Amino acid sequence: MPTLAELIGVLDGWYPPSTAESWDSVGLTCGEQAASVDRVVLAVDCVPATVQQAIAREAQLLLTHHPLLLSGVHSVAAASPKGALVHSMIRHGVAHFAAHTNADIADQGVSHALADRLGLVEVEPLDPDPAPSIDHLSVFVPPQHLAAVLDALVTAGAGAIGNYDQCTFTVDGIGTFRPLDGADPADGEIGVLSRQPESRLSMVLPRSRRADVIAAMRAAHPYEEVAFELTEQPRLSGSTGTGRIGRLAQRLTLAEFTRLVATQLPSTRWGVRAAGDPEQSVSRIAVCGGSGGSYIELARSRGADAFLTADLRHHTASEAVDERQDSPMALVDAAHWATEQPWLEVLARRLKAHFEGLTVLVSDVVTDPWTVHEH
């Protein structure tokens, strides 16, 4: 079984804490990192019901989307509601970890899980983050030294693309050079044009590793003067970012799409409601798990027929669907909890696939705060 530290290391790789909003509070709330973990409970909220469920299931970790201590605190005294939860978890050996806005924007994160639950295809971030800054390096190496130079570059951080490493391309050819007075050539003679077999080795590297990679290349290369090319690639949109946008496999009316949302998301008293013409045809759909009202205009500008999110306000909805708009867009409003819960199923599958034998339980406790709905 993994230790808590090992499990957190994997989670931080999937949902880097550095990508969380500055106001957010993510990561470990309580727990011994050296402790072994064989049972995990996943929930949207850390509340008395989910803490009790983790204790009853003898879990060593309660992992939630929403942080327990989002605002700054000066005490976790047991007399306070949140302090009581911290004390209860510590007393029963349950660690607590939160992945919040860093999980919202991630590939296979909250909004991506919501889009997948609705069967959207051709999905991409609604508000994409730029991909990491990348350089492209080509270096000319004598074939007999190619392996040593390649190993040095990989060790320094070059050649990694997504879930692959040691990514290279090599072309063989003939290089020419003439050593001048003062040179100390590895091959060739002063004043004589030299023609040598060389391999052109091409790799990408994070721009943040540029200095280390160039230094490693120079140290491993046999030539006194290393011939290489370094190109800065433009920053493109990456696979992470707020919300997702895609299209339905077939067009639906707004009323049909609203029913689809209601059947695919977990049931709550809040239910699912829509603003717009019920007979409007929708195909291109934007989604944002949680409170996404601030992205309405972005969804409209990206051509969405409908935007699904939570916590929408009256005036915001009225303006969005006003027929006087150049591009009226329907809105679908679901419970905040319901739009984020599908991510738990995705996370459970990932954890079980990564840690063989780890028991992962998705909480069946509905923590949406709205408990009565009369109409």
Protein backbone atom coordinates (compact mmCIF):
# COMPACT_ATOMS: atom_id res chain seq x y z
CA MET A 1 0.00 0.00 0.00
CA PRO A 2 1.24 3.53 -0.72
CA THR A 3 2.14 5.96 1.99
CA LEU A 4 0.16 9.17 2.23
CA ALA A 5 3.23 11.02 0.89
CA GLU A 6 3.38 8.76 -2.17
CA LEU A 7 -0.31 9.22 -2.85
CA ILE A 8 -0.01 13.00 -2.51
CA GLY A 9 2.94 12.95 -4.92
CA VAL A 10 0.73 11.37 -7.59
CA LEU A 11 -2.15 13.75 -6.89
CA ASP A 12 0.15 16.76 -7.11
CA GLY A 13 1.33 15.47 -10.50
CA TRP A 14 -2.24 15.23 -11.78
CA TYR A 15 -3.39 18.46 -10.13
CA PRO A 16 -0.32 20.64 -9.51
CA PRO A 17 -0.91 22.88 -6.47
CA SER A 18 0.91 25.69 -8.30
CA THR A 19 -2.04 25.90 -10.71
CA ALA A 20 -4.55 26.65 -7.95
CA GLU A 21 -5.91 30.18 -7.64
CA SER A 22 -3.96 32.43 -5.28
CA TRP A 23 -6.92 32.65 -2.89
CA ASP A 24 -7.38 28.88 -2.76
CA SER A 25 -6.26 26.46 -0.06
CA VAL A 26 -5.36 23.06 -1.48
CA GLY A 27 -3.37 20.09 -0.31
CA LEU A 28 -3.10 18.34 3.04
CA THR A 29 -5.20 19.63 5.93
CA CYS A 30 -4.18 16.99 8.43
CA GLY A 31 -2.51 13.57 8.40
CA GLU A 32 0.85 11.82 8.85
CA GLN A 33 2.61 11.59 5.50
CA ALA A 34 4.47 8.43 6.53
CA ALA A 35 1.21 6.58 7.25
CA SER A 36 0.10 3.80 4.92
CA VAL A 37 -3.14 4.25 2.97
CA ASP A 38 -5.20 1.29 1.79
CA ARG A 39 -8.66 2.88 1.75
CA VAL A 40 -9.73 6.30 0.43
CA VAL A 41 -13.13 8.02 0.48
CA LEU A 42 -13.80 10.68 -2.17
CA ALA A 43 -16.38 13.44 -1.66
CA VAL A 44 -17.12 16.94 -2.88
CA ASP A 45 -17.29 18.39 0.65
CA CYS A 46 -15.61 17.78 3.98
CA VAL A 47 -18.65 17.92 6.28
CA PRO A 48 -19.72 15.87 9.32
CA ALA A 49 -21.54 13.30 7.17
CA THR A 50 -18.57 12.59 4.89
CA VAL A 51 -16.10 12.57 7.80
CA GLN A 52 -18.28 10.05 9.61
CA GLN A 53 -18.50 7.98 6.44
CA ALA A 54 -14.70 7.93 6.13
CA ILE A 55 -14.41 6.85 9.76
CA ALA A 56 -17.10 4.16 9.39
CA ARG A 57 -15.40 2.80 6.25
CA GLU A 58 -12.05 2.71 8.11
CA ALA A 59 -10.45 4.94 5.50
CA GLN A 60 -7.07 6.53 6.09
CA LEU A 61 -7.79 9.42 3.71
CA LEU A 62 -10.78 11.61 2.97
CA LEU A 63 -10.12 13.40 -0.30
CA THR A 64 -12.52 16.23 -1.14
CA HIS A 65 -12.89 18.79 -3.88
CA HIS A 66 -13.76 21.68 -1.60
CA PRO A 67 -11.21 22.68 1.06
CA LEU A 68 -12.18 22.45 4.71
CA LEU A 69 -10.19 25.52 5.74
CA LEU A 70 -10.56 27.83 2.74
CA SER A 71 -10.31 31.06 4.73
CA GLY A 72 -7.41 31.90 6.97
CA VAL A 73 -7.83 30.48 10.49
CA HIS A 74 -6.13 31.20 13.79
CA SER A 75 -7.45 28.16 15.64
CA VAL A 76 -8.79 24.67 15.07
CA ALA A 77 -10.11 24.33 18.57
CA ALA A 78 -12.51 21.42 18.94
CA ALA A 79 -15.22 23.84 20.09
CA SER A 80 -15.55 25.22 16.55
CA PRO A 81 -17.43 23.23 13.87
CA LYS A 82 -14.46 22.90 11.52
CA GLY A 83 -12.02 22.39 14.36
CA ALA A 84 -14.20 19.55 15.62
CA LEU A 85 -13.90 17.85 12.22
CA VAL A 86 -10.12 18.20 12.25
CA HIS A 87 -9.92 16.71 15.75
CA SER A 88 -12.26 13.86 14.80
CA MET A 89 -10.20 12.97 11.73
CA ILE A 90 -6.91 13.06 13.64
CA ARG A 91 -8.38 10.99 16.47
CA HIS A 92 -9.49 8.28 14.02
CA GLY A 93 -6.39 8.32 11.82
CA VAL A 94 -8.12 9.91 8.80
CA ALA A 95 -6.07 12.36 6.76
CA HIS A 96 -7.77 15.09 4.76
CA PHE A 97 -6.61 16.36 1.36
CA ALA A 98 -8.29 18.87 -0.98
CA ALA A 99 -7.86 19.40 -4.72
CA HIS A 100 -9.96 22.43 -5.66
CA THR A 101 -9.24 25.00 -8.37
CA ASN A 102 -6.17 22.99 -9.41
CA ALA A 103 -8.57 20.10 -10.13
CA ASP A 104 -11.09 22.41 -11.82
CA ILE A 105 -8.73 23.31 -14.67
CA ALA A 106 -6.84 20.04 -15.04
CA ASP A 107 -6.94 17.60 -17.89
CA GLN A 108 -9.36 14.92 -16.63
CA GLY A 109 -10.41 17.45 -14.01
CA VAL A 110 -13.81 18.65 -12.82
CA SER A 111 -15.07 20.38 -15.97
CA HIS A 112 -13.62 17.69 -18.23
CA ALA A 113 -15.47 15.03 -16.23
CA LEU A 114 -18.68 17.05 -16.58
CA ALA A 115 -18.27 17.27 -20.36
CA ASP A 116 -17.57 13.53 -20.58
CA ARG A 117 -20.63 12.71 -18.46
CA LEU A 118 -22.80 14.53 -21.00
CA GLY A 119 -21.19 12.71 -23.93
CA LEU A 120 -19.64 15.81 -25.50
CA VAL A 121 -17.11 15.19 -28.28
CA GLU A 122 -14.28 17.31 -29.66
CA VAL A 123 -13.83 18.71 -26.15
CA GLU A 124 -11.31 21.47 -25.41
CA PRO A 125 -10.85 24.03 -22.62
CA LEU A 126 -13.30 26.92 -22.69
CA ASP A 127 -10.64 29.31 -21.38
CA PRO A 128 -7.41 27.46 -22.18
CA ASP A 129 -4.19 27.98 -20.30
CA PRO A 130 -1.14 28.47 -22.49
CA ALA A 131 0.94 25.36 -22.98
CA PRO A 132 4.35 25.38 -21.26
CA SER A 133 7.09 27.38 -22.96
CA ILE A 134 9.08 25.01 -25.16
CA ASP A 135 12.42 25.23 -26.97
CA HIS A 136 13.50 23.07 -29.89
CA LEU A 137 17.15 22.01 -29.90
CA SER A 138 19.11 20.46 -32.76
CA VAL A 139 22.74 19.53 -32.17
CA PHE A 140 25.26 17.97 -34.59
CA VAL A 141 27.14 15.07 -33.04
CA PRO A 142 29.68 12.48 -34.29
CA PRO A 143 27.75 9.18 -34.43
CA GLN A 144 30.06 7.45 -31.97
CA HIS A 145 29.23 10.10 -29.34
CA LEU A 146 25.47 10.25 -30.02
CA ALA A 147 24.42 7.99 -27.14
CA ALA A 148 26.47 9.93 -24.57
CA VAL A 149 25.11 13.31 -25.69
CA LEU A 150 21.55 11.97 -25.81
CA ASP A 151 21.82 10.58 -22.29
CA ALA A 152 23.15 13.89 -20.97
CA LEU A 153 20.33 15.86 -22.60
CA VAL A 154 17.65 13.52 -21.26
CA THR A 155 19.13 13.67 -17.76
CA ALA A 156 19.07 17.48 -17.93
CA GLY A 157 15.36 17.50 -18.83
CA ALA A 158 15.15 17.43 -22.63
CA GLY A 159 13.03 15.08 -24.74
CA ALA A 160 9.87 14.89 -22.60
CA ILE A 161 6.51 15.29 -24.37
CA GLY A 162 3.40 14.63 -22.27
CA ASN A 163 3.54 11.07 -20.93
CA TYR A 164 6.62 10.20 -23.02
CA ASP A 165 10.31 10.79 -22.52
CA GLN A 166 13.49 10.32 -24.60
CA CYS A 167 11.62 11.74 -27.61
CA THR A 168 14.18 12.43 -30.35
CA PHE A 169 14.65 12.60 -34.09
CA THR A 170 18.00 11.83 -35.73
CA VAL A 171 19.22 12.41 -39.28
CA ASP A 172 22.69 11.36 -40.51
CA GLY A 173 24.76 13.52 -42.82
CA ILE A 174 28.17 15.09 -43.43
CA GLY A 175 29.42 18.10 -41.48
CA THR A 176 32.26 20.36 -42.61
CA PHE A 177 34.56 22.64 -40.65
CA ARG A 178 38.07 24.07 -40.89
CA PRO A 179 40.05 24.56 -37.66
CA LEU A 180 41.88 27.90 -37.51
CA ASP A 181 44.96 28.93 -35.55
CA GLY A 182 44.31 28.59 -31.83
CA ALA A 183 41.73 25.84 -32.25
CA ASP A 184 42.02 22.49 -30.48
CA PRO A 185 39.88 20.21 -32.68
CA ALA A 186 38.75 16.77 -31.58
CA ASP A 187 39.19 15.73 -35.24
CA GLY A 188 40.89 17.36 -38.21
CA GLU A 189 43.97 19.52 -38.71
CA ILE A 190 44.61 23.26 -38.41
CA GLY A 191 43.92 24.99 -41.73
CA VAL A 192 42.51 21.90 -43.43
CA LEU A 193 38.82 21.60 -44.38
CA SER A 194 37.44 18.55 -42.60
CA ARG A 195 34.43 16.49 -43.69
CA GLN A 196 33.06 14.26 -40.93
CA PRO A 197 30.00 11.99 -40.53
CA GLU A 198 27.61 13.67 -38.11
CA SER A 199 24.14 13.01 -36.74
CA ARG A 200 21.64 15.80 -36.27
CA LEU A 201 19.90 15.11 -32.95
CA SER A 202 16.65 17.05 -32.37
CA MET A 203 14.76 17.30 -29.07
CA VAL A 204 12.32 19.60 -27.30
CA LEU A 205 12.89 20.95 -23.82
CA PRO A 206 11.06 23.13 -21.28
CA ARG A 207 12.34 26.69 -21.60
CA SER A 208 12.84 26.70 -17.85
CA ARG A 209 15.49 23.96 -18.33
CA ARG A 210 17.34 25.72 -21.15
CA ALA A 211 20.48 26.65 -19.19
CA ASP A 212 20.83 23.15 -17.69
CA VAL A 213 20.28 21.42 -21.03
CA ILE A 214 22.80 23.59 -22.91
CA ALA A 215 25.37 23.11 -20.16
CA ALA A 216 24.86 19.32 -20.24
CA MET A 217 25.14 19.29 -24.04
CA ARG A 218 28.43 21.19 -23.98
CA ALA A 219 29.86 18.98 -21.24
CA ALA A 220 29.02 15.72 -23.05
CA HIS A 221 29.93 16.83 -26.58
CA PRO A 222 33.42 16.01 -27.88
CA TYR A 223 33.79 19.20 -29.95
CA GLU A 224 35.52 22.30 -28.69
CA GLU A 225 32.85 24.41 -30.43
CA VAL A 226 29.44 22.72 -30.46
CA ALA A 227 27.27 23.36 -33.52
CA PHE A 228 23.61 23.58 -32.51
CA GLU A 229 20.37 25.37 -33.24
CA LEU A 230 17.93 26.56 -30.57
CA THR A 231 14.46 27.77 -31.51
CA GLU A 232 11.75 29.16 -29.25
CA GLN A 233 8.41 27.62 -30.13
CA PRO A 234 5.35 29.90 -29.90
CA ARG A 235 3.13 29.33 -26.88
CA LEU A 236 0.02 27.47 -27.99
CA SER A 237 -3.13 26.68 -26.03
CA GLY A 238 -2.69 23.74 -23.71
CA SER A 239 -5.01 20.96 -22.57
CA THR A 240 -5.78 22.64 -19.23
CA GLY A 241 -7.94 25.65 -18.43
CA THR A 242 -11.27 26.75 -17.02
CA GLY A 243 -14.41 25.02 -18.30
CA ARG A 244 -14.77 22.89 -21.40
CA ILE A 245 -16.52 23.30 -24.74
CA GLY A 246 -17.51 20.62 -27.23
CA ARG A 247 -20.49 19.41 -29.17
CA LEU A 248 -23.26 16.87 -28.75
CA ALA A 249 -23.23 13.79 -30.94
CA GLN A 250 -26.58 14.98 -32.31
CA ARG A 251 -28.52 18.21 -32.06
CA LEU A 252 -31.15 18.49 -29.33
CA THR A 253 -33.71 21.06 -28.35
CA LEU A 254 -32.93 22.99 -25.17
CA ALA A 255 -35.70 21.07 -23.40
CA GLU A 256 -34.16 17.74 -24.48
CA PHE A 257 -30.69 18.84 -23.46
CA THR A 258 -31.97 19.93 -20.05
CA ARG A 259 -33.52 16.47 -19.57
CA LEU A 260 -30.22 14.90 -20.61
CA VAL A 261 -28.39 16.92 -17.96
CA ALA A 262 -30.95 15.94 -15.34
CA THR A 263 -30.59 12.23 -16.13
CA GLN A 264 -26.78 12.25 -16.29
CA LEU A 265 -26.04 14.28 -13.16
CA PRO A 266 -26.77 13.03 -9.65
CA SER A 267 -30.21 14.02 -8.42
CA THR A 268 -30.63 16.97 -6.05
CA ARG A 269 -33.55 18.98 -4.66
CA TRP A 270 -32.25 21.90 -6.71
CA GLY A 271 -32.71 19.92 -9.90
CA VAL A 272 -31.82 21.36 -13.30
CA ARG A 273 -33.35 24.45 -14.87
CA ALA A 274 -32.76 26.27 -18.13
CA ALA A 275 -33.17 29.80 -19.46
CA GLY A 276 -34.02 30.21 -23.14
CA ASP A 277 -36.45 28.98 -25.75
CA PRO A 278 -37.27 25.32 -24.93
CA GLU A 279 -37.42 24.54 -28.67
CA GLN A 280 -34.07 26.18 -29.45
CA SER A 281 -31.71 23.76 -31.21
CA VAL A 282 -28.42 23.25 -29.36
CA SER A 283 -25.30 21.39 -30.38
CA ARG A 284 -22.21 23.30 -29.29
CA ILE A 285 -22.14 23.13 -25.49
CA ALA A 286 -19.96 24.90 -22.94
CA VAL A 287 -19.72 23.62 -19.37
CA CYS A 288 -18.06 24.76 -16.17
CA GLY A 289 -18.25 22.72 -12.99
CA GLY A 290 -19.16 24.85 -9.98
CA SER A 291 -19.81 28.59 -10.18
CA GLY A 292 -19.12 29.59 -13.77
CA GLY A 293 -21.35 32.62 -14.27
CA SER A 294 -18.36 34.86 -15.03
CA TYR A 295 -17.65 32.81 -18.17
CA ILE A 296 -20.99 33.41 -19.88
CA GLU A 297 -19.66 35.96 -22.36
CA LEU A 298 -16.64 33.82 -23.14
CA ALA A 299 -18.92 30.86 -23.85
CA ARG A 300 -21.01 33.05 -26.14
CA SER A 301 -17.93 34.37 -27.97
CA ARG A 302 -16.80 30.79 -28.59
CA GLY A 303 -20.06 29.95 -30.29
CA ALA A 304 -21.81 27.95 -27.57
CA ASP A 305 -25.52 27.33 -28.09
CA ALA A 306 -25.92 26.57 -24.40
CA PHE A 307 -23.79 26.93 -21.27
CA LEU A 308 -24.15 24.57 -18.31
CA THR A 309 -22.85 25.69 -14.92
CA ALA A 310 -24.11 26.43 -11.39
CA ASP A 311 -25.05 29.32 -9.09
CA LEU A 312 -26.40 31.57 -11.86
CA ARG A 313 -28.07 34.85 -10.92
CA HIS A 314 -31.39 36.23 -12.11
CA HIS A 315 -30.14 39.34 -13.93
CA THR A 316 -27.18 37.50 -15.42
CA ALA A 317 -29.48 34.86 -16.87
CA SER A 318 -31.99 37.40 -18.16
CA GLU A 319 -29.31 39.33 -20.03
CA ALA A 320 -27.69 36.20 -21.45
CA VAL A 321 -30.82 34.91 -23.15
CA ASP A 322 -32.25 38.29 -24.20
CA GLU A 323 -33.37 37.97 -27.83
CA ARG A 324 -31.93 41.41 -28.51
CA GLN A 325 -28.46 39.94 -28.06
CA ASP A 326 -26.52 39.45 -31.28
CA SER A 327 -26.00 35.83 -30.21
CA PRO A 328 -28.58 34.76 -27.61
CA MET A 329 -27.32 31.73 -25.71
CA ALA A 330 -29.30 29.36 -23.52
CA LEU A 331 -28.21 28.76 -19.95
CA VAL A 332 -28.60 25.56 -17.96
CA ASP A 333 -28.25 25.85 -14.19
CA ALA A 334 -27.65 22.76 -12.05
CA ALA A 335 -26.74 22.33 -8.39
CA HIS A 336 -23.15 23.28 -7.64
CA TRP A 337 -22.48 19.90 -5.99
CA ALA A 338 -24.00 17.96 -8.90
CA THR A 339 -21.76 19.60 -11.51
CA GLU A 340 -18.62 18.64 -9.56
CA GLN A 341 -19.55 15.14 -8.37
CA PRO A 342 -18.79 13.37 -11.72
CA TRP A 343 -15.09 14.13 -11.20
CA LEU A 344 -15.06 11.81 -8.19
CA GLU A 345 -15.78 8.80 -10.42
CA VAL A 346 -12.94 9.79 -12.77
CA LEU A 347 -10.53 10.27 -9.86
CA ALA A 348 -11.54 6.92 -8.36
CA ARG A 349 -10.69 5.11 -11.60
CA ARG A 350 -7.34 6.87 -11.89
CA LEU A 351 -6.34 6.08 -8.31
CA LYS A 352 -7.31 2.41 -8.58
CA ALA A 353 -5.44 2.07 -11.87
CA HIS A 354 -2.31 3.69 -10.44
CA PHE A 355 -2.25 1.96 -7.03
CA GLU A 356 -3.04 -1.73 -7.42
CA GLY A 357 -5.06 -2.98 -4.46
CA LEU A 358 -6.05 0.47 -3.20
CA THR A 359 -9.73 0.60 -2.19
CA VAL A 360 -11.36 3.83 -3.36
CA LEU A 361 -14.95 4.63 -2.36
CA VAL A 362 -16.98 7.46 -3.87
CA SER A 363 -19.21 8.95 -1.19
CA ASP A 364 -22.94 8.58 -1.80
CA VAL A 365 -23.69 11.43 0.60
CA VAL A 366 -25.44 14.32 -1.15
CA THR A 367 -23.81 17.40 0.34
CA ASP A 368 -25.75 19.94 -1.70
CA PRO A 369 -27.07 22.37 0.96
CA TRP A 370 -30.51 22.87 -0.66
CA THR A 371 -32.77 20.26 0.92
CA VAL A 372 -36.32 21.49 0.16
CA HIS A 373 -37.76 22.56 -3.20
CA GLU A 374 -41.43 23.33 -3.59
CA HIS A 375 -43.04 24.54 -6.82
